[in-house]
Amino acid sequence: MVRLRFIVTILTISVVLILAVYLRNSGDRLYNQIESEQRRQNRLKLQLRQKQLRLEGLINPARLSESLSK
């Protein structure tokens, strides 16, 4: 009986430790994925802002009058 209790205790501790490692790896993976997506989002925002500035430059009245005078 004592031996069975010891084996069950060891198995329970092992399962808990394996589960803890799995959850930690899962959390790390999710954190890295979120960081990657945030970097991608920031890069896309920067590209969008650059395109907006370029478009504003194209439709700027001063720029249009320069183009028409040439």
PDB file of N, CA and C in Angstrom:
ATOM      1  N   MET A   1       0.821  -1.195   0.000  1.00  0.00           N
ATOM      2  CA  MET A   1       0.000   0.000   0.000  1.00  0.00           C
ATOM      3  C   MET A   1       0.864   1.258   0.000  1.00  0.00           C
ATOM      4  N   VAL A   2       1.910   1.248   0.813  1.00  0.00           N
ATOM      5  CA  VAL A   2       2.802   2.402   0.890  1.00  0.00           C
ATOM      6  C   VAL A   2       3.532   2.571  -0.441  1.00  0.00           C
ATOM      7  N   ARG A   3       3.910   1.452  -1.014  1.00  0.00           N
ATOM      8  CA  ARG A   3       4.608   1.493  -2.299  1.00  0.00           C
ATOM      9  C   ARG A   3       3.704   2.075  -3.391  1.00  0.00           C
ATOM     10  N   LEU A   4       2.453   1.678  -3.405  1.00  0.00           N
ATOM     11  CA  LEU A   4       1.497   2.195  -4.393  1.00  0.00           C
ATOM     12  C   LEU A   4       1.297   3.695  -4.212  1.00  0.00           C
ATOM     13  N   ARG A   5       1.176   4.145  -2.988  1.00  0.00           N
ATOM     14  CA  ARG A   5       1.012   5.565  -2.702  1.00  0.00           C
ATOM     15  C   ARG A   5       2.250   6.343  -3.175  1.00  0.00           C
ATOM     16  N   PHE A   6       3.428   5.766  -2.950  1.00  0.00           N
ATOM     17  CA  PHE A   6       4.675   6.392  -3.386  1.00  0.00           C
ATOM     18  C   PHE A   6       4.712   6.514  -4.908  1.00  0.00           C
ATOM     19  N   ILE A   7       4.335   5.469  -5.615  1.00  0.00           N
ATOM     20  CA  ILE A   7       4.337   5.471  -7.080  1.00  0.00           C
ATOM     21  C   ILE A   7       3.338   6.503  -7.615  1.00  0.00           C
ATOM     22  N   VAL A   8       2.150   6.556  -7.038  1.00  0.00           N
ATOM     23  CA  VAL A   8       1.140   7.524  -7.456  1.00  0.00           C
ATOM     24  C   VAL A   8       1.626   8.945  -7.211  1.00  0.00           C
ATOM     25  N   THR A   9       2.274   9.161  -6.071  1.00  0.00           N
ATOM     26  CA  THR A   9       2.809  10.490  -5.758  1.00  0.00           C
ATOM     27  C   THR A   9       3.875  10.896  -6.769  1.00  0.00           C
ATOM     28  N   ILE A  10       4.790   9.991  -7.076  1.00  0.00           N
ATOM     29  CA  ILE A  10       5.858  10.270  -8.054  1.00  0.00           C
ATOM     30  C   ILE A  10       5.249  10.545  -9.431  1.00  0.00           C
ATOM     31  N   LEU A  11       4.290   9.760  -9.850  1.00  0.00           N
ATOM     32  CA  LEU A  11       3.640   9.967 -11.151  1.00  0.00           C
ATOM     33  C   LEU A  11       2.907  11.306 -11.190  1.00  0.00           C
ATOM     34  N   THR A  12       2.230  11.650 -10.107  1.00  0.00           N
ATOM     35  CA  THR A  12       1.511  12.925 -10.050  1.00  0.00           C
ATOM     36  C   THR A  12       2.478  14.091 -10.152  1.00  0.00           C
ATOM     37  N   ILE A  13       3.564  14.031  -9.407  1.00  0.00           N
ATOM     38  CA  ILE A  13       4.564  15.101  -9.461  1.00  0.00           C
ATOM     39  C   ILE A  13       5.156  15.203 -10.860  1.00  0.00           C
ATOM     40  N   SER A  14       5.432  14.059 -11.480  1.00  0.00           N
ATOM     41  CA  SER A  14       5.985  14.054 -12.843  1.00  0.00           C
ATOM     42  C   SER A  14       5.028  14.684 -13.837  1.00  0.00           C
ATOM     43  N   VAL A  15       3.765  14.319 -13.740  1.00  0.00           N
ATOM     44  CA  VAL A  15       2.764  14.874 -14.653  1.00  0.00           C
ATOM     45  C   VAL A  15       2.637  16.380 -14.454  1.00  0.00           C
ATOM     46  N   VAL A  16       2.637  16.827 -13.214  1.00  0.00           N
ATOM     47  CA  VAL A  16       2.528  18.256 -12.927  1.00  0.00           C
ATOM     48  C   VAL A  16       3.729  19.003 -13.491  1.00  0.00           C
ATOM     49  N   LEU A  17       4.918  18.463 -13.324  1.00  0.00           N
ATOM     50  CA  LEU A  17       6.121  19.119 -13.852  1.00  0.00           C
ATOM     51  C   LEU A  17       6.131  19.150 -15.377  1.00  0.00           C
ATOM     52  N   ILE A  18       5.727  18.059 -16.005  1.00  0.00           N
ATOM     53  CA  ILE A  18       5.652  18.029 -17.475  1.00  0.00           C
ATOM     54  C   ILE A  18       4.633  19.046 -17.970  1.00  0.00           C
ATOM     55  N   LEU A  19       3.504  19.131 -17.307  1.00  0.00           N
ATOM     56  CA  LEU A  19       2.477  20.095 -17.678  1.00  0.00           C
ATOM     57  C   LEU A  19       2.984  21.524 -17.498  1.00  0.00           C
ATOM     58  N   ALA A  20       3.719  21.783 -16.433  1.00  0.00           N
ATOM     59  CA  ALA A  20       4.268  23.120 -16.198  1.00  0.00           C
ATOM     60  C   ALA A  20       5.242  23.504 -17.307  1.00  0.00           C
ATOM     61  N   VAL A  21       6.089  22.581 -17.712  1.00  0.00           N
ATOM     62  CA  VAL A  21       7.039  22.857 -18.803  1.00  0.00           C
ATOM     63  C   VAL A  21       6.286  23.109 -20.100  1.00  0.00           C
ATOM     64  N   TYR A  22       5.279  22.306 -20.374  1.00  0.00           N
ATOM     65  CA  TYR A  22       4.490  22.494 -21.594  1.00  0.00           C
ATOM     66  C   TYR A  22       3.816  23.863 -21.605  1.00  0.00           C
ATOM     67  N   LEU A  23       3.212  24.240 -20.492  1.00  0.00           N
ATOM     68  CA  LEU A  23       2.529  25.536 -20.421  1.00  0.00           C
ATOM     69  C   LEU A  23       3.523  26.682 -20.546  1.00  0.00           C
ATOM     70  N   ARG A  24       4.690  26.531 -19.967  1.00  0.00           N
ATOM     71  CA  ARG A  24       5.707  27.586 -20.079  1.00  0.00           C
ATOM     72  C   ARG A  24       6.163  27.743 -21.526  1.00  0.00           C
ATOM     73  N   ASN A  25       6.417  26.633 -22.200  1.00  0.00           N
ATOM     74  CA  ASN A  25       6.811  26.692 -23.611  1.00  0.00           C
ATOM     75  C   ASN A  25       5.697  27.297 -24.458  1.00  0.00           C
ATOM     76  N   SER A  26       4.486  26.943 -24.130  1.00  0.00           N
ATOM     77  CA  SER A  26       3.337  27.492 -24.841  1.00  0.00           C
ATOM     78  C   SER A  26       3.267  29.005 -24.653  1.00  0.00           C
ATOM     79  N   GLY A  27       3.460  29.452 -23.432  1.00  0.00           N
ATOM     80  CA  GLY A  27       3.441  30.884 -23.142  1.00  0.00           C
ATOM     81  C   GLY A  27       4.558  31.622 -23.871  1.00  0.00           C
ATOM     82  N   ASP A  28       5.745  31.033 -23.889  1.00  0.00           N
ATOM     83  CA  ASP A  28       6.866  31.646 -24.603  1.00  0.00           C
ATOM     84  C   ASP A  28       6.574  31.752 -26.100  1.00  0.00           C
ATOM     85  N   ARG A  29       5.994  30.704 -26.635  1.00  0.00           N
ATOM     86  CA  ARG A  29       5.655  30.702 -28.061  1.00  0.00           C
ATOM     87  C   ARG A  29       4.643  31.796 -28.373  1.00  0.00           C
ATOM     88  N   LEU A  30       3.622  31.912 -27.534  1.00  0.00           N
ATOM     89  CA  LEU A  30       2.604  32.941 -27.746  1.00  0.00           C
ATOM     90  C   LEU A  30       3.203  34.336 -27.609  1.00  0.00           C
ATOM     91  N   TYR A  31       4.072  34.537 -26.635  1.00  0.00           N
ATOM     92  CA  TYR A  31       4.719  35.834 -26.443  1.00  0.00           C
ATOM     93  C   TYR A  31       5.541  36.209 -27.675  1.00  0.00           C
ATOM     94  N   ASN A  32       6.307  35.256 -28.176  1.00  0.00           N
ATOM     95  CA  ASN A  32       7.121  35.530 -29.371  1.00  0.00           C
ATOM     96  C   ASN A  32       6.247  35.822 -30.581  1.00  0.00           C
ATOM     97  N   GLN A  33       5.151  35.121 -30.700  1.00  0.00           N
ATOM     98  CA  GLN A  33       4.235  35.343 -31.814  1.00  0.00           C
ATOM     99  C   GLN A  33       3.607  36.736 -31.717  1.00  0.00           C
ATOM    100  N   ILE A  34       3.221  37.139 -30.527  1.00  0.00           N
ATOM    101  CA  ILE A  34       2.629  38.465 -30.335  1.00  0.00           C
ATOM    102  C   ILE A  34       3.653  39.552 -30.652  1.00  0.00           C
ATOM    103  N   GLU A  35       4.878  39.381 -30.169  1.00  0.00           N
ATOM    104  CA  GLU A  35       5.941  40.352 -30.441  1.00  0.00           C
ATOM    105  C   GLU A  35       6.188  40.469 -31.938  1.00  0.00           C
ATOM    106  N   SER A  36       6.219  39.351 -32.613  1.00  0.00           N
ATOM    107  CA  SER A  36       6.436  39.344 -34.059  1.00  0.00           C
ATOM    108  C   SER A  36       5.319  40.080 -34.791  1.00  0.00           C
ATOM    109  N   GLU A  37       4.089  39.837 -34.376  1.00  0.00           N
ATOM    110  CA  GLU A  37       2.952  40.501 -35.014  1.00  0.00           C
ATOM    111  C   GLU A  37       2.936  42.000 -34.713  1.00  0.00           C
ATOM    112  N   GLN A  38       3.364  42.378 -33.515  1.00  0.00           N
ATOM    113  CA  GLN A  38       3.426  43.803 -33.194  1.00  0.00           C
ATOM    114  C   GLN A  38       4.487  44.501 -34.041  1.00  0.00           C
ATOM    115  N   ARG A  39       5.636  43.840 -34.234  1.00  0.00           N
ATOM    116  CA  ARG A  39       6.668  44.418 -35.103  1.00  0.00           C
ATOM    117  C   ARG A  39       6.152  44.555 -36.533  1.00  0.00           C
ATOM    118  N   ARG A  40       5.445  43.529 -36.990  1.00  0.00           N
ATOM    119  CA  ARG A  40       4.871  43.568 -38.343  1.00  0.00           C
ATOM    120  C   ARG A  40       3.855  44.698 -38.460  1.00  0.00           C
ATOM    121  N   GLN A  41       3.014  44.842 -37.439  1.00  0.00           N
ATOM    122  CA  GLN A  41       2.005  45.898 -37.437  1.00  0.00           C
ATOM    123  C   GLN A  41       2.667  47.278 -37.454  1.00  0.00           C
ATOM    124  N   ASN A  42       3.708  47.461 -36.669  1.00  0.00           N
ATOM    125  CA  ASN A  42       4.414  48.745 -36.656  1.00  0.00           C
ATOM    126  C   ASN A  42       5.056  49.031 -38.008  1.00  0.00           C
ATOM    127  N   ARG A  43       5.624  47.997 -38.630  1.00  0.00           N
ATOM    128  CA  ARG A  43       6.230  48.162 -39.958  1.00  0.00           C
ATOM    129  C   ARG A  43       5.168  48.554 -40.990  1.00  0.00           C
ATOM    130  N   LEU A  44       4.003  47.923 -40.914  1.00  0.00           N
ATOM    131  CA  LEU A  44       2.918  48.248 -41.841  1.00  0.00           C
ATOM    132  C   LEU A  44       2.392  49.659 -41.619  1.00  0.00           C
ATOM    133  N   LYS A  45       2.308  50.069 -40.348  1.00  0.00           N
ATOM    134  CA  LYS A  45       1.877  51.439 -40.049  1.00  0.00           C
ATOM    135  C   LYS A  45       2.859  52.451 -40.627  1.00  0.00           C
ATOM    136  N   LEU A  46       4.150  52.156 -40.506  1.00  0.00           N
ATOM    137  CA  LEU A  46       5.174  53.041 -41.049  1.00  0.00           C
ATOM    138  C   LEU A  46       5.061  53.127 -42.577  1.00  0.00           C
ATOM    139  N   GLN A  47       4.870  51.987 -43.213  1.00  0.00           N
ATOM    140  CA  GLN A  47       4.703  51.989 -44.672  1.00  0.00           C
ATOM    141  C   GLN A  47       3.467  52.776 -45.079  1.00  0.00           C
ATOM    142  N   LEU A  48       2.373  52.601 -44.339  1.00  0.00           N
ATOM    143  CA  LEU A  48       1.147  53.330 -44.634  1.00  0.00           C
ATOM    144  C   LEU A  48       1.372  54.829 -44.484  1.00  0.00           C
ATOM    145  N   ARG A  49       2.037  55.230 -43.426  1.00  0.00           N
ATOM    146  CA  ARG A  49       2.300  56.650 -43.205  1.00  0.00           C
ATOM    147  C   ARG A  49       3.163  57.224 -44.332  1.00  0.00           C
ATOM    148  N   GLN A  50       4.160  56.467 -44.778  1.00  0.00           N
ATOM    149  CA  GLN A  50       4.995  56.934 -45.882  1.00  0.00           C
ATOM    150  C   GLN A  50       4.168  57.092 -47.161  1.00  0.00           C
ATOM    151  N   LYS A  51       3.275  56.162 -47.416  1.00  0.00           N
ATOM    152  CA  LYS A  51       2.425  56.254 -48.601  1.00  0.00           C
ATOM    153  C   LYS A  51       1.454  57.432 -48.490  1.00  0.00           C
ATOM    154  N   GLN A  52       0.944  57.667 -47.269  1.00  0.00           N
ATOM    155  CA  GLN A  52       0.055  58.808 -47.070  1.00  0.00           C
ATOM    156  C   GLN A  52       0.792  60.121 -47.335  1.00  0.00           C
ATOM    157  N   LEU A  53       2.019  60.218 -46.842  1.00  0.00           N
ATOM    158  CA  LEU A  53       2.805  61.436 -47.074  1.00  0.00           C
ATOM    159  C   LEU A  53       3.104  61.620 -48.555  1.00  0.00           C
ATOM    160  N   ARG A  54       3.423  60.540 -49.233  1.00  0.00           N
ATOM    161  CA  ARG A  54       3.681  60.612 -50.669  1.00  0.00           C
ATOM    162  C   ARG A  54       2.418  61.059 -51.411  1.00  0.00           C
ATOM    163  N   LEU A  55       1.264  60.521 -51.028  1.00  0.00           N
ATOM    164  CA  LEU A  55      -0.005  60.894 -51.664  1.00  0.00           C
ATOM    165  C   LEU A  55      -0.336  62.358 -51.379  1.00  0.00           C
ATOM    166  N   GLU A  56      -0.111  62.793 -50.147  1.00  0.00           N
ATOM    167  CA  GLU A  56      -0.369  64.196 -49.815  1.00  0.00           C
ATOM    168  C   GLU A  56       0.532  65.106 -50.638  1.00  0.00           C
ATOM    169  N   GLY A  57       1.756  64.660 -50.868  1.00  0.00           N
ATOM    170  CA  GLY A  57       2.668  65.438 -51.699  1.00  0.00           C
ATOM    171  C   GLY A  57       2.180  65.526 -53.136  1.00  0.00           C
ATOM    172  N   LEU A  58       1.546  64.460 -53.600  1.00  0.00           N
ATOM    173  CA  LEU A  58       1.054  64.454 -54.985  1.00  0.00           C
ATOM    174  C   LEU A  58      -0.181  65.330 -55.159  1.00  0.00           C
ATOM    175  N   ILE A  59      -1.022  65.400 -54.129  1.00  0.00           N
ATOM    176  CA  ILE A  59      -2.265  66.169 -54.275  1.00  0.00           C
ATOM    177  C   ILE A  59      -2.179  67.540 -53.603  1.00  0.00           C
ATOM    178  N   ASN A  60      -1.014  67.900 -53.106  1.00  0.00           N
ATOM    179  CA  ASN A  60      -0.814  69.204 -52.480  1.00  0.00           C
ATOM    180  C   ASN A  60      -0.987  70.300 -53.540  1.00  0.00           C
ATOM    181  N   PRO A  61      -1.798  71.322 -53.296  1.00  0.00           N
ATOM    182  CA  PRO A  61      -2.031  72.370 -54.299  1.00  0.00           C
ATOM    183  C   PRO A  61      -0.742  73.059 -54.763  1.00  0.00           C
ATOM    184  N   ALA A  62       0.188  73.288 -53.870  1.00  0.00           N
ATOM    185  CA  ALA A  62       1.452  73.901 -54.265  1.00  0.00           C
ATOM    186  C   ALA A  62       2.202  72.989 -55.217  1.00  0.00           C
ATOM    187  N   ARG A  63       2.180  71.719 -54.965  1.00  0.00           N
ATOM    188  CA  ARG A  63       2.856  70.751 -55.824  1.00  0.00           C
ATOM    189  C   ARG A  63       2.151  70.664 -57.174  1.00  0.00           C
ATOM    190  N   LEU A  64       0.819  70.750 -57.171  1.00  0.00           N
ATOM    191  CA  LEU A  64       0.078  70.693 -58.432  1.00  0.00           C
ATOM    192  C   LEU A  64       0.395  71.920 -59.288  1.00  0.00           C
ATOM    193  N   SER A  65       0.477  73.081 -58.658  1.00  0.00           N
ATOM    194  CA  SER A  65       0.783  74.281 -59.447  1.00  0.00           C
ATOM    195  C   SER A  65       2.199  74.207 -60.006  1.00  0.00           C
ATOM    196  N   GLU A  66       3.139  73.590 -59.278  1.00  0.00           N
ATOM    197  CA  GLU A  66       4.489  73.394 -59.796  1.00  0.00           C
ATOM    198  C   GLU A  66       4.456  72.489 -61.018  1.00  0.00           C
ATOM    199  N   SER A  67       3.669  71.422 -60.922  1.00  0.00           N
ATOM    200  CA  SER A  67       3.575  70.476 -62.034  1.00  0.00           C
ATOM    201  C   SER A  67       2.930  71.120 -63.250  1.00  0.00           C
ATOM    202  N   LEU A  68       1.926  71.953 -63.034  1.00  0.00           N
ATOM    203  CA  LEU A  68       1.224  72.586 -64.160  1.00  0.00           C
ATOM    204  C   LEU A  68       2.092  73.677 -64.811  1.00  0.00           C
ATOM    205  N   SER A  69       2.927  74.328 -64.025  1.00  0.00           N
ATOM    206  CA  SER A  69       3.745  75.403 -64.591  1.00  0.00           C
ATOM    207  C   SER A  69       4.892  74.852 -65.429  1.00  0.00           C
ATOM    208  N   LYS A  70       5.234  73.604 -65.282  1.00  0.00           N
ATOM    209  CA  LYS A  70       6.338  73.012 -66.069  1.00  0.00           C
ATOM    210  C   LYS A  70       5.922  72.704 -67.437  1.00  0.00           C
TER     211      LYS A  70
END
